[in-house]
Amino acid sequence: MGDLSLLGSFVEAGTAVALTKHRQHHGFGAAAEELRSRTGMKLPMNFQPYGAVGFFDNAQLAEAGFFESFVAAFEVLRELRPESRRLEVGALAAASLRFGDGYGRLPRSLRFRPTGYVQHLQPRQDIQMLSYGDSPLPWEPLEFKHVEHAVRKGRTVALAARDAWLGFASGVWGFEDFTSQRSGGPLGRMKLANQIERARQLIEEDKARKAKEREHRQLDVPVLVWPGTEDLDADRPAQYALRVAKDQYDFLHLPKRGSERLFVFFSGYANRKKVRPPVFQRWTWAERFPGHCLYFSDPALHRVHGLSIGYYAGSPERDVLEVIAEVVRDVALKHGVPLENVATYGSSAGGFASLRIAEYLQGAAHIAINPQTDLLRHDGAKVGRVVRDVYGAAAFEDLPEEHRRRFTTHRAEVIGGGSRFLVMQNRLDEFHLVNHYRPLMEFVESAGDSEAVQTYEFEHGAGHRGGESSDALEVALRFAAP
């Protein structure tokens, strides 16, 4: 937020800081309890605070010590979570809750995100400013990528709100020292309109290009029953089906002649309204990877109708990752690839599988992007469905120990078996950063296995759903094929 002393000047000048909330966890983890212990302030546990700034004729904030409370909360959170990009928002939440609903509730005309301001782009009697909460913040430079993002998300009105914010805020004492950004005026708005139109053209061109690529890159391989290693045609791309007990294992084999490496891919969440099993995410990326590629669909998607995510957590009859590891070893042997040249790869639930299979592929390399690492820390409804519909148990606690252990990677059998690991985490995916990435790193350190686990933190504006950034992919490829 820049120089904190300026915020005090803003409050004294009649600027009020307001707060709305939307459903998500606040993402500060144990720091929330420490904040309460030190300052007596607390964060909303079931809501992610969403900060908004507006100009009010309201001196009560200064009289009540709102700014001092904000600074106290901000300093504690900055000490405990210096890498968080939501320190100001968390501090606003804590300060607002301390002063009760009267300080946390927005006026009616501000109870919308910027997308709701189509009918509200006008001053009100008690409000001289629109709240603004999109990216970038209005006092930060606006780049074309931000315009393109706003067009993609249908939030172009937020760009007009940014210009309005700068126009009103420039009249506040001290604003010229706070930021170099200014309202563009009529010419600036004309330039912005041209940028919006250009962004729309580029997006349409991109859609057309991707549609054309999809036409030429449909998965067109024979679907065969797995013949076993001896009868496998190692040079023939094909999709195979293997039946073991009650589970069907579907996998896609895309060989690369002459290669001495094998990449094994796992898939994450599958939108069952759009796709049917088997699901082979990233199969179009095979050309990017310097080796044979083997893609495994999660057998649970066949086992339970409509299931979107099974985490490769197995079934009562067998740990599916043990079966998959047997196939991987057989295919690697057929290609003459040593186990140390095998690399597993996946994000989210696929990342969980990529890590956990190390228990059965000791000595291989394992790459995980924004993975779940302990399923009890993930979505209770999704994990609960796997427990009930796949395992037939009423609750996780009813599972036998040999089944419960499949729901976590925080085990010596997984991390301490002689494999190499690369865990890559998007810092803007705060839920997985706090609830999965950091706990795994704490376990690794406590187990004395830090040398086996490399990490790479990156930033991708799409959060968890964005997967890996281009630089993260390059890091992964260097790790897999040093």
Foldseek 3Di string as FASTA:
>chain_A
DFDLVVVVLCLQQQKAKEKDWDFDAQLLPCLQVVLCVVPVFGAPGGTHIFIWIFGFNDNVCVVVCLSVQLVSQLVSSCVSPVPAPCSSRRSNRRSQVVVPPVRHDDPPLQPDALLPCPVPPDADPGTPAHIAGDPPQLQDDDDLVSLLVCLVVVRNSSVVNSLSRQAVCVPRPPVVVRHVDHRPPPVVVVVSVVSNVVSVVVVVVVVVVVVVVCVVDPDDFEEEADPFLVPDPLQGWYWYWYDDDPFIKIKTKAFDPPAQAEEEFEEAFDQVVVDAPPDFPPPVVCVVARGIYMGIRQRVSVQDDPQGGQLLLDAPVDSVLLVVLVVVVSSSVSVVHDLQRYEYEYEASRLCSQQQSCLNSANYEGEYELYAAAQVLDDPVNNCCNCCRRHVDNDLVPDDPVSNVSRHSLDCSRQVRHYAYEYEYASQQSSSVNRGVVVSVVSCVVVVRVVRYHYHYDHDPVHRVVTDDPVVVVVVSVVSPD
